[in-house]
Amino acid sequence: MGGEGATGGSGGVAGQGGSGGGAGGAYDGVACVKCIDPLVHAGQKCEDVYKACQGVADCNAWLNCTTDCYQPAARAGCWDACDAAHTDGKEAIDAFYACLCPDCAAVCGTACK
């Protein structure tokens, strides 16, 4: 899943890549996807939870919802809205956050609660 960002970055998890960076605790959608994306590829630490999430209908719908959260103008509240809209996949979604957030909290900010 992924695509190319406006600045030519690599694809992201159900989102867009591109260039960007973030400061500790600040939310930067582009930097967030650049942190998350490598963690879900084959053989990486979050591959299994990503695949498990894709296998749960509401978690997969949540992955699609979070596509907008990776856009440069996205707000961290985007994640909360997706969480609220997809409560049936909560267990798989929580496992996804638990795997990704230790590595990506600095750039994903409040997306990592």
PDB file of N, CA and C in Angstrom:
ATOM      1  N   MET A   1       0.848  -1.170   0.000  1.00  0.00           N
ATOM      2  CA  MET A   1       0.000   0.000   0.000  1.00  0.00           C
ATOM      3  C   MET A   1       0.881   1.217   0.000  1.00  0.00           C
ATOM      4  N   GLY A   2       0.558   2.216  -0.695  1.00  0.00           N
ATOM      5  CA  GLY A   2       1.352   3.428  -0.638  1.00  0.00           C
ATOM      6  C   GLY A   2       1.326   4.129  -1.967  1.00  0.00           C
ATOM      7  N   GLY A   3       2.006   5.228  -1.981  1.00  0.00           N
ATOM      8  CA  GLY A   3       2.052   6.007  -3.186  1.00  0.00           C
ATOM      9  C   GLY A   3       3.200   6.965  -3.121  1.00  0.00           C
ATOM     10  N   GLU A   4       3.258   7.850  -4.083  1.00  0.00           N
ATOM     11  CA  GLU A   4       4.331   8.805  -4.076  1.00  0.00           C
ATOM     12  C   GLU A   4       3.803  10.149  -3.638  1.00  0.00           C
ATOM     13  N   GLY A   5       4.595  10.837  -2.820  1.00  0.00           N
ATOM     14  CA  GLY A   5       4.221  12.144  -2.319  1.00  0.00           C
ATOM     15  C   GLY A   5       4.541  13.225  -3.320  1.00  0.00           C
ATOM     16  N   ALA A   6       4.045  14.397  -3.057  1.00  0.00           N
ATOM     17  CA  ALA A   6       4.222  15.515  -3.955  1.00  0.00           C
ATOM     18  C   ALA A   6       5.689  15.882  -4.120  1.00  0.00           C
ATOM     19  N   THR A   7       6.501  15.573  -3.140  1.00  0.00           N
ATOM     20  CA  THR A   7       7.914  15.901  -3.248  1.00  0.00           C
ATOM     21  C   THR A   7       8.737  14.707  -3.681  1.00  0.00           C
ATOM     22  N   GLY A   8       8.072  13.636  -4.127  1.00  0.00           N
ATOM     23  CA  GLY A   8       8.773  12.487  -4.670  1.00  0.00           C
ATOM     24  C   GLY A   8       9.249  11.489  -3.637  1.00  0.00           C
ATOM     25  N   GLY A   9       8.680  11.497  -2.446  1.00  0.00           N
ATOM     26  CA  GLY A   9       9.111  10.573  -1.399  1.00  0.00           C
ATOM     27  C   GLY A   9       8.616   9.161  -1.674  1.00  0.00           C
ATOM     28  N   SER A  10       9.059   8.236  -0.864  1.00  0.00           N
ATOM     29  CA  SER A  10       8.655   6.851  -1.038  1.00  0.00           C
ATOM     30  C   SER A  10       7.262   6.634  -0.470  1.00  0.00           C
ATOM     31  N   GLY A  11       6.640   5.533  -0.890  1.00  0.00           N
ATOM     32  CA  GLY A  11       5.268   5.236  -0.485  1.00  0.00           C
ATOM     33  C   GLY A  11       5.156   4.993   1.002  1.00  0.00           C
ATOM     34  N   GLY A  12       3.959   5.113   1.509  1.00  0.00           N
ATOM     35  CA  GLY A  12       3.728   4.946   2.934  1.00  0.00           C
ATOM     36  C   GLY A  12       2.650   3.924   3.196  1.00  0.00           C
ATOM     37  N   VAL A  13       2.439   3.650   4.441  1.00  0.00           N
ATOM     38  CA  VAL A  13       1.419   2.720   4.874  1.00  0.00           C
ATOM     39  C   VAL A  13       0.079   3.377   4.612  1.00  0.00           C
ATOM     40  N   ALA A  14      -0.601   2.913   3.628  1.00  0.00           N
ATOM     41  CA  ALA A  14      -1.924   3.434   3.285  1.00  0.00           C
ATOM     42  C   ALA A  14      -1.916   4.941   3.197  1.00  0.00           C
ATOM     43  N   GLY A  15      -0.785   5.510   2.849  1.00  0.00           N
ATOM     44  CA  GLY A  15      -0.712   6.961   2.826  1.00  0.00           C
ATOM     45  C   GLY A  15       0.294   7.444   1.826  1.00  0.00           C
ATOM     46  N   GLN A  16       0.781   8.620   2.047  1.00  0.00           N
ATOM     47  CA  GLN A  16       1.695   9.230   1.123  1.00  0.00           C
ATOM     48  C   GLN A  16       3.024   9.487   1.776  1.00  0.00           C
ATOM     49  N   GLY A  17       4.072   9.361   0.994  1.00  0.00           N
ATOM     50  CA  GLY A  17       5.413   9.666   1.480  1.00  0.00           C
ATOM     51  C   GLY A  17       5.771  11.077   1.093  1.00  0.00           C
ATOM     52  N   GLY A  18       7.002  11.419   1.305  1.00  0.00           N
ATOM     53  CA  GLY A  18       7.453  12.752   0.951  1.00  0.00           C
ATOM     54  C   GLY A  18       8.562  13.152   1.869  1.00  0.00           C
ATOM     55  N   SER A  19       8.903  14.416   1.832  1.00  0.00           N
ATOM     56  CA  SER A  19       9.968  14.876   2.707  1.00  0.00           C
ATOM     57  C   SER A  19       9.360  15.564   3.907  1.00  0.00           C
ATOM     58  N   GLY A  20      10.106  15.628   4.960  1.00  0.00           N
ATOM     59  CA  GLY A  20       9.604  16.301   6.151  1.00  0.00           C
ATOM     60  C   GLY A  20      10.351  15.845   7.366  1.00  0.00           C
ATOM     61  N   GLY A  21      10.137  16.516   8.434  1.00  0.00           N
ATOM     62  CA  GLY A  21      10.761  16.159   9.691  1.00  0.00           C
ATOM     63  C   GLY A  21       9.891  16.673  10.805  1.00  0.00           C
ATOM     64  N   GLY A  22      10.119  16.210  11.981  1.00  0.00           N
ATOM     65  CA  GLY A  22       9.296  16.652  13.084  1.00  0.00           C
ATOM     66  C   GLY A  22      10.121  16.899  14.313  1.00  0.00           C
ATOM     67  N   ALA A  23       9.602  17.699  15.178  1.00  0.00           N
ATOM     68  CA  ALA A  23      10.248  17.962  16.447  1.00  0.00           C
ATOM     69  C   ALA A  23       9.575  17.102  17.500  1.00  0.00           C
ATOM     70  N   GLY A  24      10.274  16.815  18.561  1.00  0.00           N
ATOM     71  CA  GLY A  24       9.762  15.951  19.607  1.00  0.00           C
ATOM     72  C   GLY A  24       8.363  16.312  20.046  1.00  0.00           C
ATOM     73  N   GLY A  25       7.437  15.367  19.915  1.00  0.00           N
ATOM     74  CA  GLY A  25       6.074  15.550  20.361  1.00  0.00           C
ATOM     75  C   GLY A  25       5.176  16.262  19.373  1.00  0.00           C
ATOM     76  N   ALA A  26       5.733  16.935  18.382  1.00  0.00           N
ATOM     77  CA  ALA A  26       4.923  17.639  17.392  1.00  0.00           C
ATOM     78  C   ALA A  26       4.376  16.630  16.399  1.00  0.00           C
ATOM     79  N   TYR A  27       3.237  16.946  15.778  1.00  0.00           N
ATOM     80  CA  TYR A  27       2.683  16.032  14.788  1.00  0.00           C
ATOM     81  C   TYR A  27       3.046  16.510  13.398  1.00  0.00           C
ATOM     82  N   ASP A  28       3.613  15.627  12.627  1.00  0.00           N
ATOM     83  CA  ASP A  28       3.976  15.895  11.242  1.00  0.00           C
ATOM     84  C   ASP A  28       3.572  14.656  10.453  1.00  0.00           C
ATOM     85  N   GLY A  29       2.474  14.742   9.708  1.00  0.00           N
ATOM     86  CA  GLY A  29       1.948  13.584   9.009  1.00  0.00           C
ATOM     87  C   GLY A  29       2.935  12.922   8.072  1.00  0.00           C
ATOM     88  N   VAL A  30       3.707  13.717   7.344  1.00  0.00           N
ATOM     89  CA  VAL A  30       4.669  13.163   6.397  1.00  0.00           C
ATOM     90  C   VAL A  30       5.804  12.472   7.133  1.00  0.00           C
ATOM     91  N   ALA A  31       6.327  13.107   8.169  1.00  0.00           N
ATOM     92  CA  ALA A  31       7.409  12.490   8.947  1.00  0.00           C
ATOM     93  C   ALA A  31       6.899  11.241   9.664  1.00  0.00           C
ATOM     94  N   CYS A  32       5.644  11.273  10.091  1.00  0.00           N
ATOM     95  CA  CYS A  32       5.051  10.129  10.780  1.00  0.00           C
ATOM     96  C   CYS A  32       5.017   8.913   9.863  1.00  0.00           C
ATOM     97  N   VAL A  33       4.527   9.074   8.634  1.00  0.00           N
ATOM     98  CA  VAL A  33       4.464   7.935   7.717  1.00  0.00           C
ATOM     99  C   VAL A  33       5.866   7.467   7.341  1.00  0.00           C
ATOM    100  N   LYS A  34       6.814   8.389   7.259  1.00  0.00           N
ATOM    101  CA  LYS A  34       8.187   7.990   6.934  1.00  0.00           C
ATOM    102  C   LYS A  34       8.793   7.161   8.059  1.00  0.00           C
ATOM    103  N   CYS A  35       8.339   7.363   9.286  1.00  0.00           N
ATOM    104  CA  CYS A  35       8.796   6.557  10.415  1.00  0.00           C
ATOM    105  C   CYS A  35       8.086   5.199  10.421  1.00  0.00           C
ATOM    106  N   ILE A  36       6.786   5.209  10.222  1.00  0.00           N
ATOM    107  CA  ILE A  36       5.973   3.992  10.297  1.00  0.00           C
ATOM    108  C   ILE A  36       6.246   3.039   9.141  1.00  0.00           C
ATOM    109  N   ASP A  37       6.338   3.566   7.949  1.00  0.00           N
ATOM    110  CA  ASP A  37       6.423   2.741   6.752  1.00  0.00           C
ATOM    111  C   ASP A  37       7.492   1.648   6.815  1.00  0.00           C
ATOM    112  N   PRO A  38       8.726   1.949   7.166  1.00  0.00           N
ATOM    113  CA  PRO A  38       9.729   0.869   7.171  1.00  0.00           C
ATOM    114  C   PRO A  38       9.462  -0.211   8.227  1.00  0.00           C
ATOM    115  N   LEU A  39       8.717   0.121   9.265  1.00  0.00           N
ATOM    116  CA  LEU A  39       8.467  -0.834  10.345  1.00  0.00           C
ATOM    117  C   LEU A  39       7.484  -1.929   9.968  1.00  0.00           C
ATOM    118  N   VAL A  40       6.704  -1.729   8.903  1.00  0.00           N
ATOM    119  CA  VAL A  40       5.682  -2.703   8.536  1.00  0.00           C
ATOM    120  C   VAL A  40       6.057  -3.554   7.327  1.00  0.00           C
ATOM    121  N   HIS A  41       7.211  -3.312   6.759  1.00  0.00           N
ATOM    122  CA  HIS A  41       7.654  -4.104   5.602  1.00  0.00           C
ATOM    123  C   HIS A  41       8.057  -5.508   6.031  1.00  0.00           C
ATOM    124  N   ALA A  42       8.119  -6.402   5.059  1.00  0.00           N
ATOM    125  CA  ALA A  42       8.471  -7.804   5.303  1.00  0.00           C
ATOM    126  C   ALA A  42       9.739  -7.921   6.137  1.00  0.00           C
ATOM    127  N   GLY A  43       9.637  -8.708   7.185  1.00  0.00           N
ATOM    128  CA  GLY A  43      10.786  -8.972   8.040  1.00  0.00           C
ATOM    129  C   GLY A  43      11.036  -7.927   9.109  1.00  0.00           C
ATOM    130  N   GLN A  44      10.250  -6.866   9.136  1.00  0.00           N
ATOM    131  CA  GLN A  44      10.443  -5.821  10.133  1.00  0.00           C
ATOM    132  C   GLN A  44       9.548  -6.081  11.350  1.00  0.00           C
ATOM    133  N   LYS A  45       9.818  -5.368  12.425  1.00  0.00           N
ATOM    134  CA  LYS A  45       9.201  -5.691  13.718  1.00  0.00           C
ATOM    135  C   LYS A  45       7.676  -5.569  13.757  1.00  0.00           C
ATOM    136  N   CYS A  46       7.075  -4.753  12.926  1.00  0.00           N
ATOM    137  CA  CYS A  46       5.623  -4.570  12.981  1.00  0.00           C
ATOM    138  C   CYS A  46       4.881  -5.236  11.822  1.00  0.00           C
ATOM    139  N   GLU A  47       5.567  -6.023  11.033  1.00  0.00           N
ATOM    140  CA  GLU A  47       4.928  -6.682   9.893  1.00  0.00           C
ATOM    141  C   GLU A  47       3.734  -7.529  10.334  1.00  0.00           C
ATOM    142  N   ASP A  48       3.906  -8.323  11.385  1.00  0.00           N
ATOM    143  CA  ASP A  48       2.832  -9.220  11.824  1.00  0.00           C
ATOM    144  C   ASP A  48       1.596  -8.468  12.297  1.00  0.00           C
ATOM    145  N   VAL A  49       1.778  -7.381  13.066  1.00  0.00           N
ATOM    146  CA  VAL A  49       0.601  -6.638  13.543  1.00  0.00           C
ATOM    147  C   VAL A  49      -0.065  -5.887  12.398  1.00  0.00           C
ATOM    148  N   TYR A  50       0.713  -5.454  11.423  1.00  0.00           N
ATOM    149  CA  TYR A  50       0.140  -4.798  10.242  1.00  0.00           C
ATOM    150  C   TYR A  50      -0.718  -5.788   9.463  1.00  0.00           C
ATOM    151  N   LYS A  51      -0.198  -6.988   9.223  1.00  0.00           N
ATOM    152  CA  LYS A  51      -0.961  -8.011   8.505  1.00  0.00           C
ATOM    153  C   LYS A  51      -2.196  -8.431   9.298  1.00  0.00           C
ATOM    154  N   ALA A  52      -2.052  -8.544  10.622  1.00  0.00           N
ATOM    155  CA  ALA A  52      -3.197  -8.893  11.468  1.00  0.00           C
ATOM    156  C   ALA A  52      -4.276  -7.817  11.368  1.00  0.00           C
ATOM    157  N   CYS A  53      -3.872  -6.562  11.367  1.00  0.00           N
ATOM    158  CA  CYS A  53      -4.817  -5.449  11.246  1.00  0.00           C
ATOM    159  C   CYS A  53      -5.539  -5.515   9.904  1.00  0.00           C
ATOM    160  N   GLN A  54      -4.818  -5.802   8.842  1.00  0.00           N
ATOM    161  CA  GLN A  54      -5.436  -5.916   7.520  1.00  0.00           C
ATOM    162  C   GLN A  54      -6.474  -7.038   7.479  1.00  0.00           C
ATOM    163  N   GLY A  55      -6.291  -8.061   8.323  1.00  0.00           N
ATOM    164  CA  GLY A  55      -7.203  -9.196   8.347  1.00  0.00           C
ATOM    165  C   GLY A  55      -8.455  -8.986   9.169  1.00  0.00           C
ATOM    166  N   VAL A  56      -8.550  -7.874   9.883  1.00  0.00           N
ATOM    167  CA  VAL A  56      -9.738  -7.536  10.679  1.00  0.00           C
ATOM    168  C   VAL A  56     -10.458  -6.411   9.932  1.00  0.00           C
ATOM    169  N   ALA A  57     -11.667  -6.661   9.504  1.00  0.00           N
ATOM    170  CA  ALA A  57     -12.376  -5.714   8.638  1.00  0.00           C
ATOM    171  C   ALA A  57     -12.344  -4.280   9.168  1.00  0.00           C
ATOM    172  N   ASP A  58     -12.661  -4.074  10.439  1.00  0.00           N
ATOM    173  CA  ASP A  58     -12.727  -2.708  10.957  1.00  0.00           C
ATOM    174  C   ASP A  58     -11.333  -2.101  11.136  1.00  0.00           C
ATOM    175  N   CYS A  59     -10.346  -2.918  11.413  1.00  0.00           N
ATOM    176  CA  CYS A  59      -8.976  -2.403  11.507  1.00  0.00           C
ATOM    177  C   CYS A  59      -8.474  -2.023  10.113  1.00  0.00           C
ATOM    178  N   ASN A  60      -8.804  -2.827   9.116  1.00  0.00           N
ATOM    179  CA  ASN A  60      -8.421  -2.492   7.749  1.00  0.00           C
ATOM    180  C   ASN A  60      -9.114  -1.197   7.306  1.00  0.00           C
ATOM    181  N   ALA A  61     -10.367  -1.030   7.693  1.00  0.00           N
ATOM    182  CA  ALA A  61     -11.080   0.218   7.394  1.00  0.00           C
ATOM    183  C   ALA A  61     -10.403   1.389   8.112  1.00  0.00           C
ATOM    184  N   TRP A  62      -9.914   1.153   9.321  1.00  0.00           N
ATOM    185  CA  TRP A  62      -9.181   2.174  10.070  1.00  0.00           C
ATOM    186  C   TRP A  62      -7.896   2.543   9.332  1.00  0.00           C
ATOM    187  N   LEU A  63      -7.174   1.545   8.792  1.00  0.00           N
ATOM    188  CA  LEU A  63      -5.962   1.832   8.009  1.00  0.00           C
ATOM    189  C   LEU A  63      -6.299   2.759   6.844  1.00  0.00           C
ATOM    190  N   ASN A  64      -7.414   2.474   6.167  1.00  0.00           N
ATOM    191  CA  ASN A  64      -7.837   3.331   5.054  1.00  0.00           C
ATOM    192  C   ASN A  64      -8.195   4.729   5.540  1.00  0.00           C
ATOM    193  N   CYS A  65      -8.851   4.816   6.682  1.00  0.00           N
ATOM    194  CA  CYS A  65      -9.214   6.107   7.260  1.00  0.00           C
ATOM    195  C   CYS A  65      -7.973   6.940   7.564  1.00  0.00           C
ATOM    196  N   THR A  66      -6.944   6.284   8.096  1.00  0.00           N
ATOM    197  CA  THR A  66      -5.746   7.028   8.502  1.00  0.00           C
ATOM    198  C   THR A  66      -4.919   7.530   7.333  1.00  0.00           C
ATOM    199  N   THR A  67      -5.279   7.137   6.112  1.00  0.00           N
ATOM    200  CA  THR A  67      -4.578   7.656   4.930  1.00  0.00           C
ATOM    201  C   THR A  67      -4.541   9.179   4.973  1.00  0.00           C
ATOM    202  N   ASP A  68      -5.655   9.796   5.313  1.00  0.00           N
ATOM    203  CA  ASP A  68      -5.711  11.259   5.381  1.00  0.00           C
ATOM    204  C   ASP A  68      -4.810  11.820   6.477  1.00  0.00           C
ATOM    205  N   CYS A  69      -4.521  11.030   7.488  1.00  0.00           N
ATOM    206  CA  CYS A  69      -3.702  11.498   8.603  1.00  0.00           C
ATOM    207  C   CYS A  69      -2.233  11.671   8.217  1.00  0.00           C
ATOM    208  N   TYR A  70      -1.838  11.109   7.096  1.00  0.00           N
ATOM    209  CA  TYR A  70      -0.443  11.214   6.648  1.00  0.00           C
ATOM    210  C   TYR A  70      -0.198  12.401   5.736  1.00  0.00           C
ATOM    211  N   GLN A  71      -1.218  13.165   5.439  1.00  0.00           N
ATOM    212  CA  GLN A  71      -1.060  14.310   4.549  1.00  0.00           C
ATOM    213  C   GLN A  71      -0.336  15.440   5.284  1.00  0.00           C
ATOM    214  N   PRO A  72       0.409  16.262   4.554  1.00  0.00           N
ATOM    215  CA  PRO A  72       1.172  17.337   5.203  1.00  0.00           C
ATOM    216  C   PRO A  72       0.326  18.278   6.073  1.00  0.00           C
ATOM    217  N   ALA A  73      -0.920  18.513   5.689  1.00  0.00           N
ATOM    218  CA  ALA A  73      -1.765  19.443   6.452  1.00  0.00           C
ATOM    219  C   ALA A  73      -2.616  18.751   7.517  1.00  0.00           C
ATOM    220  N   ALA A  74      -2.422  17.445   7.709  1.00  0.00           N
ATOM    221  CA  ALA A  74      -3.251  16.694   8.661  1.00  0.00           C
ATOM    222  C   ALA A  74      -2.984  17.142  10.095  1.00  0.00           C
ATOM    223  N   ARG A  75      -4.016  17.016  10.894  1.00  0.00           N
ATOM    224  CA  ARG A  75      -3.885  17.302  12.320  1.00  0.00           C
ATOM    225  C   ARG A  75      -3.879  15.984  13.079  1.00  0.00           C
ATOM    226  N   ALA A  76      -3.248  15.982  14.223  1.00  0.00           N
ATOM    227  CA  ALA A  76      -3.190  14.765  15.032  1.00  0.00           C
ATOM    228  C   ALA A  76      -4.595  14.269  15.384  1.00  0.00           C
ATOM    229  N   GLY A  77      -5.574  15.154  15.473  1.00  0.00           N
ATOM    230  CA  GLY A  77      -6.948  14.768  15.760  1.00  0.00           C
ATOM    231  C   GLY A  77      -7.527  13.832  14.715  1.00  0.00           C
ATOM    232  N   CYS A  78      -6.905  13.764  13.570  1.00  0.00           N
ATOM    233  CA  CYS A  78      -7.325  12.845  12.516  1.00  0.00           C
ATOM    234  C   CYS A  78      -7.311  11.408  13.033  1.00  0.00           C
ATOM    235  N   TRP A  79      -6.282  11.040  13.789  1.00  0.00           N
ATOM    236  CA  TRP A  79      -6.171   9.689  14.335  1.00  0.00           C
ATOM    237  C   TRP A  79      -7.313   9.400  15.300  1.00  0.00           C
ATOM    238  N   ASP A  80      -7.636  10.372  16.155  1.00  0.00           N
ATOM    239  CA  ASP A  80      -8.729  10.193  17.107  1.00  0.00           C
ATOM    240  C   ASP A  80     -10.050   9.964  16.380  1.00  0.00           C
ATOM    241  N   ALA A  81     -10.262  10.695  15.288  1.00  0.00           N
ATOM    242  CA  ALA A  81     -11.499  10.540  14.516  1.00  0.00           C
ATOM    243  C   ALA A  81     -11.570   9.134  13.910  1.00  0.00           C
ATOM    244  N   CYS A  82     -10.452   8.644  13.393  1.00  0.00           N
ATOM    245  CA  CYS A  82     -10.433   7.289  12.824  1.00  0.00           C
ATOM    246  C   CYS A  82     -10.647   6.245  13.919  1.00  0.00           C
ATOM    247  N   ASP A  83     -10.016   6.446  15.082  1.00  0.00           N
ATOM    248  CA  ASP A  83     -10.210   5.524  16.206  1.00  0.00           C
ATOM    249  C   ASP A  83     -11.684   5.447  16.594  1.00  0.00           C
ATOM    250  N   ALA A  84     -12.325   6.619  16.687  1.00  0.00           N
ATOM    251  CA  ALA A  84     -13.727   6.677  17.104  1.00  0.00           C
ATOM    252  C   ALA A  84     -14.652   6.023  16.074  1.00  0.00           C
ATOM    253  N   ALA A  85     -14.294   6.108  14.805  1.00  0.00           N
ATOM    254  CA  ALA A  85     -15.134   5.559  13.749  1.00  0.00           C
ATOM    255  C   ALA A  85     -14.962   4.054  13.569  1.00  0.00           C
ATOM    256  N   HIS A  86     -13.927   3.479  14.165  1.00  0.00           N
ATOM    257  CA  HIS A  86     -13.624   2.063  13.919  1.00  0.00           C
ATOM    258  C   HIS A  86     -13.344   1.316  15.220  1.00  0.00           C
ATOM    259  N   THR A  87     -14.302   1.353  16.118  1.00  0.00           N
ATOM    260  CA  THR A  87     -14.131   0.734  17.434  1.00  0.00           C
ATOM    261  C   THR A  87     -14.171  -0.794  17.405  1.00  0.00           C
ATOM    262  N   ASP A  88     -14.762  -1.391  16.378  1.00  0.00           N
ATOM    263  CA  ASP A  88     -14.818  -2.850  16.318  1.00  0.00           C
ATOM    264  C   ASP A  88     -13.436  -3.469  16.101  1.00  0.00           C
ATOM    265  N   GLY A  89     -12.509  -2.689  15.579  1.00  0.00           N
ATOM    266  CA  GLY A  89     -11.151  -3.188  15.359  1.00  0.00           C
ATOM    267  C   GLY A  89     -10.184  -2.766  16.432  1.00  0.00           C
ATOM    268  N   LYS A  90     -10.705  -2.331  17.594  1.00  0.00           N
ATOM    269  CA  LYS A  90      -9.873  -1.731  18.645  1.00  0.00           C
ATOM    270  C   LYS A  90      -8.692  -2.596  19.067  1.00  0.00           C
ATOM    271  N   GLU A  91      -8.888  -3.873  19.260  1.00  0.00           N
ATOM    272  CA  GLU A  91      -7.793  -4.726  19.725  1.00  0.00           C
ATOM    273  C   GLU A  91      -6.642  -4.747  18.711  1.00  0.00           C
ATOM    274  N   ALA A  92      -6.952  -4.920  17.439  1.00  0.00           N
ATOM    275  CA  ALA A  92      -5.922  -4.939  16.399  1.00  0.00           C
ATOM    276  C   ALA A  92      -5.301  -3.560  16.219  1.00  0.00           C
ATOM    277  N   ILE A  93      -6.114  -2.508  16.329  1.00  0.00           N
ATOM    278  CA  ILE A  93      -5.616  -1.133  16.215  1.00  0.00           C
ATOM    279  C   ILE A  93      -4.661  -0.830  17.365  1.00  0.00           C
ATOM    280  N   ASP A  94      -5.044  -1.214  18.581  1.00  0.00           N
ATOM    281  CA  ASP A  94      -4.178  -0.982  19.747  1.00  0.00           C
ATOM    282  C   ASP A  94      -2.847  -1.713  19.603  1.00  0.00           C
ATOM    283  N   ALA A  95      -2.868  -2.926  19.039  1.00  0.00           N
ATOM    284  CA  ALA A  95      -1.624  -3.672  18.825  1.00  0.00           C
ATOM    285  C   ALA A  95      -0.740  -2.943  17.811  1.00  0.00           C
ATOM    286  N   PHE A  96      -1.357  -2.349  16.800  1.00  0.00           N
ATOM    287  CA  PHE A  96      -0.624  -1.586  15.783  1.00  0.00           C
ATOM    288  C   PHE A  96       0.068  -0.388  16.427  1.00  0.00           C
ATOM    289  N   TYR A  97      -0.689   0.385  17.217  1.00  0.00           N
ATOM    290  CA  TYR A  97      -0.114   1.527  17.941  1.00  0.00           C
ATOM    291  C   TYR A  97       1.020   1.069  18.862  1.00  0.00           C
ATOM    292  N   ALA A  98       0.802  -0.029  19.590  1.00  0.00           N
ATOM    293  CA  ALA A  98       1.801  -0.505  20.554  1.00  0.00           C
ATOM    294  C   ALA A  98       3.112  -0.872  19.872  1.00  0.00           C
ATOM    295  N   CYS A  99       3.043  -1.366  18.664  1.00  0.00           N
ATOM    296  CA  CYS A  99       4.264  -1.730  17.943  1.00  0.00           C
ATOM    297  C   CYS A  99       4.963  -0.502  17.373  1.00  0.00           C
ATOM    298  N   LEU A 100       4.207   0.422  16.812  1.00  0.00           N
ATOM    299  CA  LEU A 100       4.791   1.564  16.099  1.00  0.00           C
ATOM    300  C   LEU A 100       5.208   2.730  16.988  1.00  0.00           C
ATOM    301  N   CYS A 101       4.444   2.996  18.007  1.00  0.00           N
ATOM    302  CA  CYS A 101       4.657   4.222  18.767  1.00  0.00           C
ATOM    303  C   CYS A 101       5.971   4.309  19.549  1.00  0.00           C
ATOM    304  N   PRO A 102       6.514   3.220  20.046  1.00  0.00           N
ATOM    305  CA  PRO A 102       7.803   3.383  20.723  1.00  0.00           C
ATOM    306  C   PRO A 102       8.879   3.983  19.802  1.00  0.00           C
ATOM    307  N   ASP A 103       8.821   3.690  18.526  1.00  0.00           N
ATOM    308  CA  ASP A 103       9.801   4.210  17.578  1.00  0.00           C
ATOM    309  C   ASP A 103       9.393   5.538  16.948  1.00  0.00           C
ATOM    310  N   CYS A 104       8.109   5.826  16.903  1.00  0.00           N
ATOM    311  CA  CYS A 104       7.644   6.958  16.101  1.00  0.00           C
ATOM    312  C   CYS A 104       6.934   8.067  16.882  1.00  0.00           C
ATOM    313  N   ALA A 105       6.862   7.967  18.195  1.00  0.00           N
ATOM    314  CA  ALA A 105       6.128   8.970  18.977  1.00  0.00           C
ATOM    315  C   ALA A 105       6.669  10.390  18.785  1.00  0.00           C
ATOM    316  N   ALA A 106       7.963  10.525  18.579  1.00  0.00           N
ATOM    317  CA  ALA A 106       8.544  11.869  18.448  1.00  0.00           C
ATOM    318  C   ALA A 106       7.984  12.616  17.251  1.00  0.00           C
ATOM    319  N   VAL A 107       7.689  11.930  16.152  1.00  0.00           N
ATOM    320  CA  VAL A 107       7.159  12.603  14.968  1.00  0.00           C
ATOM    321  C   VAL A 107       5.667  12.380  14.786  1.00  0.00           C
ATOM    322  N   CYS A 108       5.129  11.343  15.390  1.00  0.00           N
ATOM    323  CA  CYS A 108       3.693  11.089  15.273  1.00  0.00           C
ATOM    324  C   CYS A 108       2.914  11.776  16.404  1.00  0.00           C
ATOM    325  N   GLY A 109       3.631  12.338  17.365  1.00  0.00           N
ATOM    326  CA  GLY A 109       3.029  13.152  18.408  1.00  0.00           C
ATOM    327  C   GLY A 109       1.832  12.500  19.066  1.00  0.00           C
ATOM    328  N   THR A 110       0.719  13.233  19.090  1.00  0.00           N
ATOM    329  CA  THR A 110      -0.452  12.774  19.814  1.00  0.00           C
ATOM    330  C   THR A 110      -1.150  11.597  19.137  1.00  0.00           C
ATOM    331  N   ALA A 111      -0.724  11.217  17.931  1.00  0.00           N
ATOM    332  CA  ALA A 111      -1.260  10.000  17.313  1.00  0.00           C
ATOM    333  C   ALA A 111      -0.877   8.810  18.185  1.00  0.00           C
ATOM    334  N   CYS A 112       0.255   8.917  18.868  1.00  0.00           N
ATOM    335  CA  CYS A 112       0.732   7.873  19.785  1.00  0.00           C
ATOM    336  C   CYS A 112       0.328   8.254  21.188  1.00  0.00           C
ATOM    337  N   LYS A 113      -0.762   7.654  21.631  1.00  0.00           N
ATOM    338  CA  LYS A 113      -1.271   8.008  22.948  1.00  0.00           C
ATOM    339  C   LYS A 113      -0.734   7.057  23.989  1.00  0.00           C
TER     340      LYS A 113
END
